[in-house]
C-alpha cells in the first residue's frame, strides 16, 4: 500500500483523538475516525485508509497514488 498522511489531533470537546487523512478530504467526511488513545486513533486511521482504498479499487474509482511524484489521480 502507498503511504498516506494522517493528522491526529486531541479534541477537548470530544475527549478523543480525531483523525484526518488529508489526501481523502473531499472524498470522505472528516474527521474520518477517532480513538481514545493516540495509538488507537492511528490504528483506526490506518483501517480507514485500507478500507476506502479497497472500496475504490473494487468500484474502479481513482485514488491518489502517492508513489507518483506528479501527485495525480490514478485508477
Protein backbone atom coordinates (compact mmCIF):
# COMPACT_ATOMS: atom_id res chain seq x y z
CA UNK A 1 0.00 0.00 0.00
CA UNK A 2 1.17 3.51 -0.79
CA UNK A 3 1.85 5.85 2.15
CA UNK A 4 -0.86 8.33 3.10
CA UNK A 5 -0.66 11.19 5.60
CA UNK A 6 -2.62 11.15 8.79
CA UNK A 7 -3.29 14.08 11.12
CA UNK A 8 -4.19 13.14 14.68
CA UNK A 9 -5.38 15.92 16.98
CA UNK A 10 -6.75 15.90 20.51
CA UNK A 11 -10.31 17.28 20.81
CA UNK A 12 -11.16 18.74 24.21
CA UNK A 13 -14.85 18.85 23.21
CA UNK A 14 -15.00 15.16 22.26
CA UNK A 15 -12.29 13.95 24.66
CA UNK A 16 -10.92 11.87 21.78
CA UNK A 17 -8.08 11.94 19.29
CA UNK A 18 -9.60 12.85 15.89
CA UNK A 19 -8.07 11.56 12.64
CA UNK A 20 -7.97 13.31 9.28
CA UNK A 21 -6.47 11.81 6.11
CA UNK A 22 -5.52 14.91 4.04
CA UNK A 23 -5.47 13.03 0.73
CA UNK A 24 -9.07 11.91 1.33
CA UNK A 25 -10.52 15.38 2.07
CA UNK A 26 -13.45 15.97 -0.27
CA UNK A 27 -13.98 12.22 -0.73
CA UNK A 28 -14.59 11.15 2.89
CA UNK A 29 -16.19 13.06 5.78
CA UNK A 30 -13.53 14.46 8.09
CA UNK A 31 -12.50 13.75 10.73
CA UNK A 32 -12.85 10.23 9.41
CA UNK A 33 -12.29 8.34 12.67
CA UNK A 34 -11.12 8.75 16.24
CA UNK A 35 -9.67 6.94 19.22
CA UNK A 36 -9.47 7.17 22.99
CA UNK A 37 -5.68 6.99 22.76
CA UNK A 38 -3.24 8.24 20.14
CA UNK A 39 -2.33 4.65 19.27
CA UNK A 40 -5.97 3.64 18.88
CA UNK A 41 -6.65 6.66 16.65
CA UNK A 42 -3.63 5.82 14.47
CA UNK A 43 -4.79 2.21 14.15
CA UNK A 44 -8.31 3.33 13.22
CA UNK A 45 -6.87 5.79 10.69
CA UNK A 46 -4.88 3.00 9.02
CA UNK A 47 -8.04 0.87 8.88
CA UNK A 48 -9.92 3.75 7.20
CA UNK A 49 -7.20 4.11 4.55
CA UNK A 50 -7.17 0.37 3.83
CA UNK A 51 -10.97 0.15 3.73
CA UNK A 52 -11.53 3.08 1.38
CA UNK A 53 -8.70 2.08 -0.95
CA UNK A 54 -10.24 -1.39 -1.25
CA UNK A 55 -13.74 0.02 -1.85
CA UNK A 56 -12.45 2.43 -4.50
CA UNK A 57 -10.43 -0.34 -6.13
CA UNK A 58 -13.50 -2.61 -6.28
CA UNK A 59 -15.64 0.20 -7.69
CA UNK A 60 -13.00 1.15 -10.24
CA UNK A 61 -12.76 4.67 -8.82
CA UNK A 62 -9.48 6.57 -8.95
CA UNK A 63 -7.38 7.15 -5.86
CA UNK A 64 -4.36 9.32 -5.20
CA UNK A 65 -1.21 7.37 -6.00
CA UNK A 66 1.46 8.95 -3.82
CA UNK A 67 4.14 6.86 -5.47
CA UNK A 68 3.87 9.26 -8.40
CA UNK A 69 5.82 12.48 -7.96
CA UNK A 70 3.23 14.35 -10.03
CA UNK A 71 0.52 13.63 -7.36
CA UNK A 72 -2.14 13.00 -9.99
CA UNK A 73 -5.27 10.91 -9.52
CA UNK A 74 -4.91 7.40 -10.94
CA UNK A 75 -7.27 4.48 -11.34
